[in-house]
Amino acid sequence: MENVTVVDHPLVRHKLSHMRRKETDSARFRLLLREISLLLG
C-alpha cells in the first residue's frame, strides 16, 4: 500500500482511541479530528 501513512505519535494514538469509542458523540469526534489535524499539519 503505497498511499498509507502510519502515524505513531502518542497524542494521535490517544485521540484516535477516543474517536473509536461508541460513546463519542459527533461534536467530540469532530473536535478530536481537528486536534489530530493540527498535530499532523
N, C-alpha and C. Protein backbone atom coordinates (compact mmCIF):
# COMPACT_ATOMS: atom_id res chain seq x y z
N MET A 1 0.84 -1.18 0.00
CA MET A 1 0.00 0.00 0.00
C MET A 1 0.89 1.24 0.00
N GLU A 2 1.04 1.85 -1.10
CA GLU A 2 1.94 2.98 -1.20
C GLU A 2 1.31 4.30 -0.75
N ASN A 3 0.00 4.37 -0.59
CA ASN A 3 -0.67 5.60 -0.18
C ASN A 3 -1.06 5.61 1.29
N VAL A 4 -0.44 4.77 2.09
CA VAL A 4 -0.77 4.68 3.51
C VAL A 4 0.36 5.30 4.32
N THR A 5 -0.01 6.18 5.24
CA THR A 5 0.95 6.78 6.14
C THR A 5 0.65 6.30 7.55
N VAL A 6 1.62 5.72 8.20
CA VAL A 6 1.45 5.24 9.57
C VAL A 6 1.97 6.32 10.51
N VAL A 7 1.10 6.78 11.39
CA VAL A 7 1.48 7.81 12.36
C VAL A 7 1.58 7.14 13.72
N ASP A 8 2.76 7.22 14.31
CA ASP A 8 2.98 6.57 15.60
C ASP A 8 3.31 7.63 16.66
N HIS A 9 2.42 8.59 16.78
CA HIS A 9 2.59 9.68 17.74
C HIS A 9 1.69 9.39 18.94
N PRO A 10 2.21 9.47 20.15
CA PRO A 10 1.40 9.12 21.33
C PRO A 10 0.10 9.92 21.46
N LEU A 11 0.14 11.21 21.20
CA LEU A 11 -1.08 12.02 21.32
C LEU A 11 -2.10 11.65 20.24
N VAL A 12 -1.63 11.38 19.04
CA VAL A 12 -2.54 10.99 17.97
C VAL A 12 -3.18 9.64 18.30
N ARG A 13 -2.39 8.71 18.79
CA ARG A 13 -2.94 7.39 19.18
C ARG A 13 -3.99 7.55 20.27
N HIS A 14 -3.73 8.42 21.23
CA HIS A 14 -4.67 8.65 22.33
C HIS A 14 -5.99 9.23 21.79
N LYS A 15 -5.89 10.22 20.93
CA LYS A 15 -7.09 10.84 20.38
C LYS A 15 -7.86 9.88 19.48
N LEU A 16 -7.15 9.06 18.71
CA LEU A 16 -7.81 8.06 17.88
C LEU A 16 -8.57 7.04 18.73
N SER A 17 -7.99 6.68 19.86
CA SER A 17 -8.68 5.71 20.73
C SER A 17 -9.99 6.29 21.25
N HIS A 18 -10.01 7.60 21.52
CA HIS A 18 -11.26 8.24 21.95
C HIS A 18 -12.25 8.33 20.79
N MET A 19 -11.75 8.57 19.59
CA MET A 19 -12.64 8.65 18.42
C MET A 19 -13.31 7.32 18.14
N ARG A 20 -12.65 6.23 18.44
CA ARG A 20 -13.18 4.89 18.14
C ARG A 20 -14.25 4.43 19.13
N ARG A 21 -14.35 5.09 20.25
CA ARG A 21 -15.33 4.67 21.27
C ARG A 21 -16.76 4.89 20.79
N LYS A 22 -17.63 3.97 21.14
CA LYS A 22 -19.05 4.11 20.79
C LYS A 22 -19.68 5.32 21.47
N GLU A 23 -19.17 5.66 22.65
CA GLU A 23 -19.75 6.74 23.45
C GLU A 23 -19.41 8.13 22.91
N THR A 24 -18.47 8.22 21.98
CA THR A 24 -18.04 9.52 21.47
C THR A 24 -19.11 10.09 20.56
N ASP A 25 -19.63 11.26 20.93
CA ASP A 25 -20.65 11.89 20.09
C ASP A 25 -19.99 12.62 18.92
N SER A 26 -20.80 13.10 18.00
CA SER A 26 -20.25 13.68 16.77
C SER A 26 -19.48 14.97 17.02
N ALA A 27 -19.92 15.77 17.99
CA ALA A 27 -19.20 17.01 18.29
C ALA A 27 -17.80 16.71 18.84
N ARG A 28 -17.72 15.75 19.73
CA ARG A 28 -16.41 15.35 20.29
C ARG A 28 -15.54 14.73 19.21
N PHE A 29 -16.13 13.94 18.32
CA PHE A 29 -15.40 13.32 17.21
C PHE A 29 -14.77 14.40 16.33
N ARG A 30 -15.56 15.41 15.98
CA ARG A 30 -15.05 16.49 15.14
C ARG A 30 -13.94 17.26 15.83
N LEU A 31 -14.08 17.49 17.13
CA LEU A 31 -13.04 18.19 17.88
C LEU A 31 -11.74 17.39 17.88
N LEU A 32 -11.85 16.09 18.14
CA LEU A 32 -10.66 15.24 18.14
C LEU A 32 -10.01 15.20 16.76
N LEU A 33 -10.82 15.14 15.72
CA LEU A 33 -10.30 15.14 14.36
C LEU A 33 -9.55 16.44 14.07
N ARG A 34 -10.11 17.55 14.51
CA ARG A 34 -9.45 18.84 14.33
C ARG A 34 -8.12 18.89 15.07
N GLU A 35 -8.10 18.38 16.30
CA GLU A 35 -6.87 18.37 17.09
C GLU A 35 -5.80 17.50 16.43
N ILE A 36 -6.21 16.36 15.88
CA ILE A 36 -5.25 15.49 15.19
C ILE A 36 -4.70 16.20 13.96
N SER A 37 -5.56 16.88 13.23
CA SER A 37 -5.08 17.58 12.02
C SER A 37 -4.09 18.67 12.38
N LEU A 38 -4.27 19.33 13.52
CA LEU A 38 -3.31 20.34 13.97
C LEU A 38 -1.98 19.70 14.35
N LEU A 39 -2.03 18.54 14.97
CA LEU A 39 -0.79 17.85 15.34
C LEU A 39 -0.01 17.38 14.11
N LEU A 40 -0.73 16.96 13.08
CA LEU A 40 -0.07 16.43 11.88
C LEU A 40 0.33 17.53 10.90
N GLY A 41 -0.39 18.66 10.95
CA GLY A 41 -0.21 19.72 9.97
C GLY A 41 1.03 20.49 10.16
